[in-house]
Amino acid sequence: MYEYAWPTGPEVPTADLVRESWEATVAALPVEARITGEVIGRQPFGVFIRVDGVPDAIALAEITAMPQGMDLPPLGTFVSGVVFWHTVHNHQVKVRLDEWLAADE
């Protein structure tokens, strides 16, 4: 299997749906909200997460929030974390994963 993959499949919301649902997503996932979800995409810059309970949201955990020496979680992994930012221009919820926060302590 190729190490990197964009989110695909029938369970992944379309870009239009993510954009149309943005206000509801921000309301459901404010900064400091806890999230859980499945890694549905993996790129050199981070992982995309389908957020449990908010089906039209896509979260992104970027390597800029990852401690040195750690690896990105593989596709299909279930993760949890904390929302720390909303990126309006591409409708992404930015998260820091719990495993990354624990490594920083």
PDB file of N, CA and C in Angstrom:
ATOM      1  N   MET A   1       0.843  -1.179   0.000  1.00  0.00           N
ATOM      2  CA  MET A   1       0.000   0.000   0.000  1.00  0.00           C
ATOM      3  C   MET A   1       0.886   1.239   0.000  1.00  0.00           C
ATOM      4  N   TYR A   2       0.463   2.237  -0.753  1.00  0.00           N
ATOM      5  CA  TYR A   2       1.162   3.511  -0.818  1.00  0.00           C
ATOM      6  C   TYR A   2       1.063   4.206   0.539  1.00  0.00           C
ATOM      7  N   GLU A   3       2.138   4.803   1.002  1.00  0.00           N
ATOM      8  CA  GLU A   3       2.184   5.401   2.328  1.00  0.00           C
ATOM      9  C   GLU A   3       1.228   6.583   2.479  1.00  0.00           C
ATOM     10  N   TYR A   4       1.004   7.339   1.406  1.00  0.00           N
ATOM     11  CA  TYR A   4       0.163   8.531   1.471  1.00  0.00           C
ATOM     12  C   TYR A   4      -1.079   8.363   0.620  1.00  0.00           C
ATOM     13  N   ALA A   5      -2.186   8.931   1.087  1.00  0.00           N
ATOM     14  CA  ALA A   5      -3.444   8.848   0.355  1.00  0.00           C
ATOM     15  C   ALA A   5      -4.329  10.030   0.736  1.00  0.00           C
ATOM     16  N   TRP A   6      -5.051  10.559  -0.244  1.00  0.00           N
ATOM     17  CA  TRP A   6      -6.054  11.592   0.012  1.00  0.00           C
ATOM     18  C   TRP A   6      -7.316  10.907   0.512  1.00  0.00           C
ATOM     19  N   PRO A   7      -8.136  11.603   1.296  1.00  0.00           N
ATOM     20  CA  PRO A   7      -9.403  11.008   1.733  1.00  0.00           C
ATOM     21  C   PRO A   7     -10.298  10.698   0.532  1.00  0.00           C
ATOM     22  N   THR A   8     -10.783   9.473   0.452  1.00  0.00           N
ATOM     23  CA  THR A   8     -11.686   9.070  -0.625  1.00  0.00           C
ATOM     24  C   THR A   8     -12.717   8.096  -0.078  1.00  0.00           C
ATOM     25  N   GLY A   9     -13.751   7.870  -0.848  1.00  0.00           N
ATOM     26  CA  GLY A   9     -14.756   6.882  -0.494  1.00  0.00           C
ATOM     27  C   GLY A   9     -16.103   7.512  -0.240  1.00  0.00           C
ATOM     28  N   PRO A  10     -17.128   6.687  -0.209  1.00  0.00           N
ATOM     29  CA  PRO A  10     -18.488   7.198  -0.056  1.00  0.00           C
ATOM     30  C   PRO A  10     -18.761   7.839   1.309  1.00  0.00           C
ATOM     31  N   GLU A  11     -17.972   7.494   2.321  1.00  0.00           N
ATOM     32  CA  GLU A  11     -18.178   8.060   3.654  1.00  0.00           C
ATOM     33  C   GLU A  11     -17.499   9.412   3.844  1.00  0.00           C
ATOM     34  N   VAL A  12     -16.708   9.847   2.875  1.00  0.00           N
ATOM     35  CA  VAL A  12     -16.007  11.129   2.958  1.00  0.00           C
ATOM     36  C   VAL A  12     -16.911  12.215   2.378  1.00  0.00           C
ATOM     37  N   PRO A  13     -17.193  13.277   3.168  1.00  0.00           N
ATOM     38  CA  PRO A  13     -18.059  14.337   2.653  1.00  0.00           C
ATOM     39  C   PRO A  13     -17.412  15.057   1.468  1.00  0.00           C
ATOM     40  N   THR A  14     -18.236  15.488   0.534  1.00  0.00           N
ATOM     41  CA  THR A  14     -17.733  16.234  -0.622  1.00  0.00           C
ATOM     42  C   THR A  14     -17.265  17.614  -0.171  1.00  0.00           C
ATOM     43  N   ALA A  15     -16.435  18.240  -0.980  1.00  0.00           N
ATOM     44  CA  ALA A  15     -15.948  19.585  -0.674  1.00  0.00           C
ATOM     45  C   ALA A  15     -17.118  20.562  -0.538  1.00  0.00           C
ATOM     46  N   ASP A  16     -18.123  20.422  -1.395  1.00  0.00           N
ATOM     47  CA  ASP A  16     -19.293  21.302  -1.317  1.00  0.00           C
ATOM     48  C   ASP A  16     -20.023  21.131   0.008  1.00  0.00           C
ATOM     49  N   LEU A  17     -20.195  19.901   0.452  1.00  0.00           N
ATOM     50  CA  LEU A  17     -20.880  19.640   1.711  1.00  0.00           C
ATOM     51  C   LEU A  17     -20.081  20.179   2.895  1.00  0.00           C
ATOM     52  N   VAL A  18     -18.782  20.010   2.874  1.00  0.00           N
ATOM     53  CA  VAL A  18     -17.922  20.550   3.940  1.00  0.00           C
ATOM     54  C   VAL A  18     -18.060  22.068   3.992  1.00  0.00           C
ATOM     55  N   ARG A  19     -18.037  22.704   2.839  1.00  0.00           N
ATOM     56  CA  ARG A  19     -18.147  24.164   2.747  1.00  0.00           C
ATOM     57  C   ARG A  19     -19.531  24.637   3.233  1.00  0.00           C
ATOM     58  N   GLU A  20     -20.594  23.976   2.774  1.00  0.00           N
ATOM     59  CA  GLU A  20     -21.958  24.356   3.159  1.00  0.00           C
ATOM     60  C   GLU A  20     -22.209  24.160   4.652  1.00  0.00           C
ATOM     61  N   SER A  21     -21.531  23.227   5.261  1.00  0.00           N
ATOM     62  CA  SER A  21     -21.728  22.888   6.675  1.00  0.00           C
ATOM     63  C   SER A  21     -20.747  23.594   7.603  1.00  0.00           C
ATOM     64  N   TRP A  22     -19.934  24.492   7.081  1.00  0.00           N
ATOM     65  CA  TRP A  22     -18.842  25.077   7.856  1.00  0.00           C
ATOM     66  C   TRP A  22     -19.322  25.750   9.146  1.00  0.00           C
ATOM     67  N   GLU A  23     -20.344  26.582   9.079  1.00  0.00           N
ATOM     68  CA  GLU A  23     -20.815  27.268  10.292  1.00  0.00           C
ATOM     69  C   GLU A  23     -21.273  26.267  11.350  1.00  0.00           C
ATOM     70  N   ALA A  24     -21.986  25.236  10.940  1.00  0.00           N
ATOM     71  CA  ALA A  24     -22.432  24.201  11.881  1.00  0.00           C
ATOM     72  C   ALA A  24     -21.236  23.426  12.446  1.00  0.00           C
ATOM     73  N   THR A  25     -20.221  23.202  11.618  1.00  0.00           N
ATOM     74  CA  THR A  25     -19.020  22.498  12.083  1.00  0.00           C
ATOM     75  C   THR A  25     -18.312  23.299  13.160  1.00  0.00           C
ATOM     76  N   VAL A  26     -18.123  24.594  12.926  1.00  0.00           N
ATOM     77  CA  VAL A  26     -17.439  25.450  13.913  1.00  0.00           C
ATOM     78  C   VAL A  26     -18.240  25.495  15.216  1.00  0.00           C
ATOM     79  N   ALA A  27     -19.571  25.550  15.102  1.00  0.00           N
ATOM     80  CA  ALA A  27     -20.410  25.557  16.301  1.00  0.00           C
ATOM     81  C   ALA A  27     -20.304  24.235  17.066  1.00  0.00           C
ATOM     82  N   ALA A  28     -20.237  23.122  16.341  1.00  0.00           N
ATOM     83  CA  ALA A  28     -20.159  21.798  16.972  1.00  0.00           C
ATOM     84  C   ALA A  28     -18.772  21.489  17.524  1.00  0.00           C
ATOM     85  N   LEU A  29     -17.737  22.102  16.926  1.00  0.00           N
ATOM     86  CA  LEU A  29     -16.348  21.798  17.298  1.00  0.00           C
ATOM     87  C   LEU A  29     -15.578  23.084  17.609  1.00  0.00           C
ATOM     88  N   PRO A  30     -15.928  23.763  18.695  1.00  0.00           N
ATOM     89  CA  PRO A  30     -15.210  24.994  19.037  1.00  0.00           C
ATOM     90  C   PRO A  30     -13.773  24.691  19.470  1.00  0.00           C
ATOM     91  N   VAL A  31     -12.947  25.716  19.506  1.00  0.00           N
ATOM     92  CA  VAL A  31     -11.581  25.562  20.003  1.00  0.00           C
ATOM     93  C   VAL A  31     -11.652  24.971  21.411  1.00  0.00           C
ATOM     94  N   GLU A  32     -10.791  24.020  21.674  1.00  0.00           N
ATOM     95  CA  GLU A  32     -10.665  23.258  22.915  1.00  0.00           C
ATOM     96  C   GLU A  32     -11.657  22.097  23.014  1.00  0.00           C
ATOM     97  N   ALA A  33     -12.480  21.884  21.983  1.00  0.00           N
ATOM     98  CA  ALA A  33     -13.378  20.724  21.988  1.00  0.00           C
ATOM     99  C   ALA A  33     -12.558  19.450  21.795  1.00  0.00           C
ATOM    100  N   ARG A  34     -12.987  18.382  22.423  1.00  0.00           N
ATOM    101  CA  ARG A  34     -12.352  17.072  22.248  1.00  0.00           C
ATOM    102  C   ARG A  34     -12.984  16.395  21.048  1.00  0.00           C
ATOM    103  N   ILE A  35     -12.173  15.729  20.251  1.00  0.00           N
ATOM    104  CA  ILE A  35     -12.677  14.987  19.100  1.00  0.00           C
ATOM    105  C   ILE A  35     -12.122  13.568  19.128  1.00  0.00           C
ATOM    106  N   THR A  36     -12.850  12.683  18.488  1.00  0.00           N
ATOM    107  CA  THR A  36     -12.360  11.343  18.175  1.00  0.00           C
ATOM    108  C   THR A  36     -12.740  11.089  16.726  1.00  0.00           C
ATOM    109  N   GLY A  37     -12.002  10.215  16.082  1.00  0.00           N
ATOM    110  CA  GLY A  37     -12.325   9.904  14.701  1.00  0.00           C
ATOM    111  C   GLY A  37     -11.310   8.972  14.074  1.00  0.00           C
ATOM    112  N   GLU A  38     -11.539   8.698  12.792  1.00  0.00           N
ATOM    113  CA  GLU A  38     -10.698   7.769  12.043  1.00  0.00           C
ATOM    114  C   GLU A  38      -9.828   8.525  11.046  1.00  0.00           C
ATOM    115  N   VAL A  39      -8.567   8.123  10.954  1.00  0.00           N
ATOM    116  CA  VAL A  39      -7.664   8.691   9.961  1.00  0.00           C
ATOM    117  C   VAL A  39      -8.113   8.185   8.589  1.00  0.00           C
ATOM    118  N   ILE A  40      -8.533   9.129   7.724  1.00  0.00           N
ATOM    119  CA  ILE A  40      -9.057   8.759   6.403  1.00  0.00           C
ATOM    120  C   ILE A  40      -8.163   9.240   5.262  1.00  0.00           C
ATOM    121  N   GLY A  41      -7.135   9.992   5.589  1.00  0.00           N
ATOM    122  CA  GLY A  41      -6.188  10.460   4.585  1.00  0.00           C
ATOM    123  C   GLY A  41      -4.865  10.743   5.252  1.00  0.00           C
ATOM    124  N   ARG A  42      -3.796  10.554   4.501  1.00  0.00           N
ATOM    125  CA  ARG A  42      -2.455  10.717   5.066  1.00  0.00           C
ATOM    126  C   ARG A  42      -1.559  11.344   4.015  1.00  0.00           C
ATOM    127  N   GLN A  43      -0.935  12.464   4.353  1.00  0.00           N
ATOM    128  CA  GLN A  43      -0.027  13.173   3.460  1.00  0.00           C
ATOM    129  C   GLN A  43       1.240  13.515   4.244  1.00  0.00           C
ATOM    130  N   PRO A  44       2.304  13.899   3.564  1.00  0.00           N
ATOM    131  CA  PRO A  44       3.540  14.226   4.283  1.00  0.00           C
ATOM    132  C   PRO A  44       3.364  15.346   5.313  1.00  0.00           C
ATOM    133  N   PHE A  45       2.359  16.194   5.138  1.00  0.00           N
ATOM    134  CA  PHE A  45       2.148  17.325   6.043  1.00  0.00           C
ATOM    135  C   PHE A  45       1.192  17.027   7.197  1.00  0.00           C
ATOM    136  N   GLY A  46       0.512  15.865   7.190  1.00  0.00           N
ATOM    137  CA  GLY A  46      -0.396  15.541   8.280  1.00  0.00           C
ATOM    138  C   GLY A  46      -1.428  14.496   7.904  1.00  0.00           C
ATOM    139  N   VAL A  47      -2.397  14.297   8.818  1.00  0.00           N
ATOM    140  CA  VAL A  47      -3.455  13.313   8.579  1.00  0.00           C
ATOM    141  C   VAL A  47      -4.821  13.988   8.616  1.00  0.00           C
ATOM    142  N   PHE A  48      -5.724  13.490   7.758  1.00  0.00           N
ATOM    143  CA  PHE A  48      -7.101  13.943   7.727  1.00  0.00           C
ATOM    144  C   PHE A  48      -7.937  12.971   8.548  1.00  0.00           C
ATOM    145  N   ILE A  49      -8.870  13.518   9.324  1.00  0.00           N
ATOM    146  CA  ILE A  49      -9.657  12.715  10.253  1.00  0.00           C
ATOM    147  C   ILE A  49     -11.148  12.945  10.009  1.00  0.00           C
ATOM    148  N   ARG A  50     -11.898  11.850   9.889  1.00  0.00           N
ATOM    149  CA  ARG A  50     -13.365  11.932   9.862  1.00  0.00           C
ATOM    150  C   ARG A  50     -13.798  11.982  11.316  1.00  0.00           C
ATOM    151  N   VAL A  51     -14.448  13.060  11.706  1.00  0.00           N
ATOM    152  CA  VAL A  51     -14.778  13.311  13.109  1.00  0.00           C
ATOM    153  C   VAL A  51     -16.070  12.593  13.494  1.00  0.00           C
ATOM    154  N   ASP A  52     -16.008  11.793  14.554  1.00  0.00           N
ATOM    155  CA  ASP A  52     -17.194  11.103  15.068  1.00  0.00           C
ATOM    156  C   ASP A  52     -18.251  12.131  15.467  1.00  0.00           C
ATOM    157  N   GLY A  53     -19.487  11.906  15.050  1.00  0.00           N
ATOM    158  CA  GLY A  53     -20.600  12.757  15.441  1.00  0.00           C
ATOM    159  C   GLY A  53     -20.766  14.029  14.631  1.00  0.00           C
ATOM    160  N   VAL A  54     -19.815  14.324  13.767  1.00  0.00           N
ATOM    161  CA  VAL A  54     -19.904  15.526  12.914  1.00  0.00           C
ATOM    162  C   VAL A  54     -19.539  15.074  11.499  1.00  0.00           C
ATOM    163  N   PRO A  55     -20.452  14.398  10.821  1.00  0.00           N
ATOM    164  CA  PRO A  55     -20.120  13.717   9.565  1.00  0.00           C
ATOM    165  C   PRO A  55     -19.699  14.622   8.411  1.00  0.00           C
ATOM    166  N   ASP A  56     -20.028  15.916   8.481  1.00  0.00           N
ATOM    167  CA  ASP A  56     -19.664  16.817   7.386  1.00  0.00           C
ATOM    168  C   ASP A  56     -18.381  17.592   7.670  1.00  0.00           C
ATOM    169  N   ALA A  57     -17.656  17.204   8.712  1.00  0.00           N
ATOM    170  CA  ALA A  57     -16.416  17.883   9.097  1.00  0.00           C
ATOM    171  C   ALA A  57     -15.203  17.047   8.721  1.00  0.00           C
ATOM    172  N   ILE A  58     -14.136  17.727   8.373  1.00  0.00           N
ATOM    173  CA  ILE A  58     -12.837  17.089   8.167  1.00  0.00           C
ATOM    174  C   ILE A  58     -11.850  17.799   9.090  1.00  0.00           C
ATOM    175  N   ALA A  59     -11.169  17.026   9.908  1.00  0.00           N
ATOM    176  CA  ALA A  59     -10.141  17.582  10.784  1.00  0.00           C
ATOM    177  C   ALA A  59      -8.776  17.275  10.186  1.00  0.00           C
ATOM    178  N   LEU A  60      -7.816  18.113  10.508  1.00  0.00           N
ATOM    179  CA  LEU A  60      -6.451  17.920  10.041  1.00  0.00           C
ATOM    180  C   LEU A  60      -5.498  18.050  11.217  1.00  0.00           C
ATOM    181  N   ALA A  61      -4.692  17.025  11.416  1.00  0.00           N
ATOM    182  CA  ALA A  61      -3.611  17.062  12.397  1.00  0.00           C
ATOM    183  C   ALA A  61      -2.321  17.201  11.591  1.00  0.00           C
ATOM    184  N   GLU A  62      -1.714  18.385  11.645  1.00  0.00           N
ATOM    185  CA  GLU A  62      -0.523  18.680  10.845  1.00  0.00           C
ATOM    186  C   GLU A  62       0.756  18.338  11.604  1.00  0.00           C
ATOM    187  N   ILE A  63       1.804  18.057  10.833  1.00  0.00           N
ATOM    188  CA  ILE A  63       3.083  17.722  11.462  1.00  0.00           C
ATOM    189  C   ILE A  63       3.655  18.899  12.251  1.00  0.00           C
ATOM    190  N   THR A  64       3.207  20.113  11.983  1.00  0.00           N
ATOM    191  CA  THR A  64       3.698  21.259  12.751  1.00  0.00           C
ATOM    192  C   THR A  64       3.292  21.151  14.217  1.00  0.00           C
ATOM    193  N   ALA A  65       2.264  20.361  14.522  1.00  0.00           N
ATOM    194  CA  ALA A  65       1.822  20.146  15.899  1.00  0.00           C
ATOM    195  C   ALA A  65       2.356  18.837  16.476  1.00  0.00           C
ATOM    196  N   MET A  66       3.159  18.107  15.701  1.00  0.00           N
ATOM    197  CA  MET A  66       3.650  16.793  16.104  1.00  0.00           C
ATOM    198  C   MET A  66       5.062  16.918  16.700  1.00  0.00           C
ATOM    199  N   PRO A  67       5.293  16.329  17.868  1.00  0.00           N
ATOM    200  CA  PRO A  67       6.639  16.369  18.441  1.00  0.00           C
ATOM    201  C   PRO A  67       7.648  15.656  17.534  1.00  0.00           C
ATOM    202  N   GLN A  68       8.893  16.114  17.570  1.00  0.00           N
ATOM    203  CA  GLN A  68       9.944  15.474  16.777  1.00  0.00           C
ATOM    204  C   GLN A  68      10.101  14.027  17.208  1.00  0.00           C
ATOM    205  N   GLY A  69      10.400  13.174  16.225  1.00  0.00           N
ATOM    206  CA  GLY A  69      10.642  11.772  16.498  1.00  0.00           C
ATOM    207  C   GLY A  69       9.396  10.905  16.485  1.00  0.00           C
ATOM    208  N   MET A  70       8.235  11.514  16.316  1.00  0.00           N
ATOM    209  CA  MET A  70       6.996  10.735  16.251  1.00  0.00           C
ATOM    210  C   MET A  70       6.615  10.534  14.790  1.00  0.00           C
ATOM    211  N   ASP A  71       5.756   9.551  14.543  1.00  0.00           N
ATOM    212  CA  ASP A  71       5.266   9.267  13.200  1.00  0.00           C
ATOM    213  C   ASP A  71       3.795   9.610  13.105  1.00  0.00           C
ATOM    214  N   LEU A  72       3.358   9.901  11.896  1.00  0.00           N
ATOM    215  CA  LEU A  72       1.931  10.097  11.647  1.00  0.00           C
ATOM    216  C   LEU A  72       1.203   8.773  11.814  1.00  0.00           C
ATOM    217  N   PRO A  73      -0.008   8.800  12.367  1.00  0.00           N
ATOM    218  CA  PRO A  73      -0.767   7.552  12.480  1.00  0.00           C
ATOM    219  C   PRO A  73      -1.167   7.045  11.094  1.00  0.00           C
ATOM    220  N   PRO A  74      -1.225   5.732  10.908  1.00  0.00           N
ATOM    221  CA  PRO A  74      -1.584   5.167   9.605  1.00  0.00           C
ATOM    222  C   PRO A  74      -3.081   5.301   9.305  1.00  0.00           C
ATOM    223  N   LEU A  75      -3.427   5.110   8.035  1.00  0.00           N
ATOM    224  CA  LEU A  75      -4.823   5.096   7.613  1.00  0.00           C
ATOM    225  C   LEU A  75      -5.599   4.064   8.416  1.00  0.00           C
ATOM    226  N   GLY A  76      -6.836   4.409   8.760  1.00  0.00           N
ATOM    227  CA  GLY A  76      -7.691   3.487   9.496  1.00  0.00           C
ATOM    228  C   GLY A  76      -7.535   3.533  11.001  1.00  0.00           C
ATOM    229  N   THR A  77      -6.541   4.242  11.499  1.00  0.00           N
ATOM    230  CA  THR A  77      -6.323   4.363  12.930  1.00  0.00           C
ATOM    231  C   THR A  77      -7.385   5.265  13.540  1.00  0.00           C
ATOM    232  N   PHE A  78      -7.883   4.896  14.724  1.00  0.00           N
ATOM    233  CA  PHE A  78      -8.802   5.755  15.451  1.00  0.00           C
ATOM    234  C   PHE A  78      -7.978   6.591  16.427  1.00  0.00           C
ATOM    235  N   VAL A  79      -8.208   7.903  16.397  1.00  0.00           N
ATOM    236  CA  VAL A  79      -7.418   8.845  17.184  1.00  0.00           C
ATOM    237  C   VAL A  79      -8.347   9.762  17.964  1.00  0.00           C
ATOM    238  N   SER A  80      -7.764  10.466  18.917  1.00  0.00           N
ATOM    239  CA  SER A  80      -8.498  11.496  19.646  1.00  0.00           C
ATOM    240  C   SER A  80      -7.570  12.679  19.823  1.00  0.00           C
ATOM    241  N   GLY A  81      -8.173  13.833  20.087  1.00  0.00           N
ATOM    242  CA  GLY A  81      -7.381  15.035  20.234  1.00  0.00           C
ATOM    243  C   GLY A  81      -8.231  16.223  20.623  1.00  0.00           C
ATOM    244  N   VAL A  82      -7.625  17.409  20.463  1.00  0.00           N
ATOM    245  CA  VAL A  82      -8.251  18.660  20.862  1.00  0.00           C
ATOM    246  C   VAL A  82      -8.192  19.643  19.698  1.00  0.00           C
ATOM    247  N   VAL A  83      -9.321  20.317  19.455  1.00  0.00           N
ATOM    248  CA  VAL A  83      -9.380  21.361  18.428  1.00  0.00           C
ATOM    249  C   VAL A  83      -8.574  22.562  18.929  1.00  0.00           C
ATOM    250  N   PHE A  84      -7.678  23.074  18.073  1.00  0.00           N
ATOM    251  CA  PHE A  84      -6.945  24.278  18.469  1.00  0.00           C
ATOM    252  C   PHE A  84      -7.088  25.421  17.472  1.00  0.00           C
ATOM    253  N   TRP A  85      -7.733  25.200  16.319  1.00  0.00           N
ATOM    254  CA  TRP A  85      -7.872  26.271  15.330  1.00  0.00           C
ATOM    255  C   TRP A  85      -8.901  25.871  14.281  1.00  0.00           C
ATOM    256  N   HIS A  86      -9.477  26.870  13.626  1.00  0.00           N
ATOM    257  CA  HIS A  86     -10.360  26.659  12.471  1.00  0.00           C
ATOM    258  C   HIS A  86      -9.745  27.401  11.289  1.00  0.00           C
ATOM    259  N   THR A  87      -9.541  26.701  10.204  1.00  0.00           N
ATOM    260  CA  THR A  87      -8.979  27.313   9.006  1.00  0.00           C
ATOM    261  C   THR A  87     -10.125  27.584   8.032  1.00  0.00           C
ATOM    262  N   VAL A  88     -10.543  28.843   7.981  1.00  0.00           N
ATOM    263  CA  VAL A  88     -11.726  29.229   7.222  1.00  0.00           C
ATOM    264  C   VAL A  88     -11.540  29.022   5.722  1.00  0.00           C
ATOM    265  N   HIS A  89     -10.367  29.368   5.186  1.00  0.00           N
ATOM    266  CA  HIS A  89     -10.202  29.348   3.722  1.00  0.00           C
ATOM    267  C   HIS A  89     -10.326  27.950   3.119  1.00  0.00           C
ATOM    268  N   ASN A  90     -10.027  26.903   3.879  1.00  0.00           N
ATOM    269  CA  ASN A  90     -10.219  25.553   3.332  1.00  0.00           C
ATOM    270  C   ASN A  90     -11.106  24.677   4.215  1.00  0.00           C
ATOM    271  N   HIS A  91     -11.810  25.306   5.153  1.00  0.00           N
ATOM    272  CA  HIS A  91     -12.841  24.653   5.955  1.00  0.00           C
ATOM    273  C   HIS A  91     -12.333  23.424   6.692  1.00  0.00           C
ATOM    274  N   GLN A  92     -11.215  23.600   7.378  1.00  0.00           N
ATOM    275  CA  GLN A  92     -10.624  22.496   8.144  1.00  0.00           C
ATOM    276  C   GLN A  92     -10.585  22.837   9.626  1.00  0.00           C
ATOM    277  N   VAL A  93     -10.813  21.815  10.419  1.00  0.00           N
ATOM    278  CA  VAL A  93     -10.685  21.911  11.863  1.00  0.00           C
ATOM    279  C   VAL A  93      -9.299  21.381  12.200  1.00  0.00           C
ATOM    280  N   LYS A  94      -8.446  22.218  12.779  1.00  0.00           N
ATOM    281  CA  LYS A  94      -7.086  21.799  13.115  1.00  0.00           C
ATOM    282  C   LYS A  94      -7.080  21.190  14.511  1.00  0.00           C
ATOM    283  N   VAL A  95      -6.425  20.054  14.651  1.00  0.00           N
ATOM    284  CA  VAL A  95      -6.381  19.356  15.934  1.00  0.00           C
ATOM    285  C   VAL A  95      -4.952  18.964  16.294  1.00  0.00           C
ATOM    286  N   ARG A  96      -4.734  18.835  17.599  1.00  0.00           N
ATOM    287  CA  ARG A  96      -3.523  18.212  18.136  1.00  0.00           C
ATOM    288  C   ARG A  96      -3.964  16.882  18.718  1.00  0.00           C
ATOM    289  N   LEU A  97      -3.296  15.842  18.293  1.00  0.00           N
ATOM    290  CA  LEU A  97      -3.658  14.503  18.757  1.00  0.00           C
ATOM    291  C   LEU A  97      -3.193  14.279  20.190  1.00  0.00           C
ATOM    292  N   ASP A  98      -3.962  13.493  20.939  1.00  0.00           N
ATOM    293  CA  ASP A  98      -3.628  13.207  22.342  1.00  0.00           C
ATOM    294  C   ASP A  98      -2.231  12.620  22.481  1.00  0.00           C
ATOM    295  N   GLU A  99      -1.861  11.715  21.568  1.00  0.00           N
ATOM    296  CA  GLU A  99      -0.533  11.098  21.675  1.00  0.00           C
ATOM    297  C   GLU A  99       0.572  12.135  21.512  1.00  0.00           C
ATOM    298  N   TRP A 100       0.313  13.180  20.744  1.00  0.00           N
ATOM    299  CA  TRP A 100       1.296  14.248  20.573  1.00  0.00           C
ATOM    300  C   TRP A 100       1.356  15.128  21.813  1.00  0.00           C
ATOM    301  N   LEU A 101       0.186  15.401  22.408  1.00  0.00           N
ATOM    302  CA  LEU A 101       0.155  16.202  23.622  1.00  0.00           C
ATOM    303  C   LEU A 101       0.874  15.475  24.754  1.00  0.00           C
ATOM    304  N   ALA A 102       0.671  14.169  24.867  1.00  0.00           N
ATOM    305  CA  ALA A 102       1.313  13.383  25.932  1.00  0.00           C
ATOM    306  C   ALA A 102       2.832  13.381  25.766  1.00  0.00           C
ATOM    307  N   ALA A 103       3.314  13.349  24.528  1.00  0.00           N
ATOM    308  CA  ALA A 103       4.746  13.337  24.270  1.00  0.00           C
ATOM    309  C   ALA A 103       5.402  14.675  24.623  1.00  0.00           C
ATOM    310  N   ASP A 104       4.613  15.760  24.572  1.00  0.00           N
ATOM    311  CA  ASP A 104       5.127  17.087  24.902  1.00  0.00           C
ATOM    312  C   ASP A 104       5.270  17.303  26.411  1.00  0.00           C
ATOM    313  N   GLU A 105       4.561  16.483  27.197  1.00  0.00           N
ATOM    314  CA  GLU A 105       4.565  16.692  28.655  1.00  0.00           C
ATOM    315  C   GLU A 105       5.804  16.147  29.311  1.00  0.00           C
TER     316      GLU A 105
END
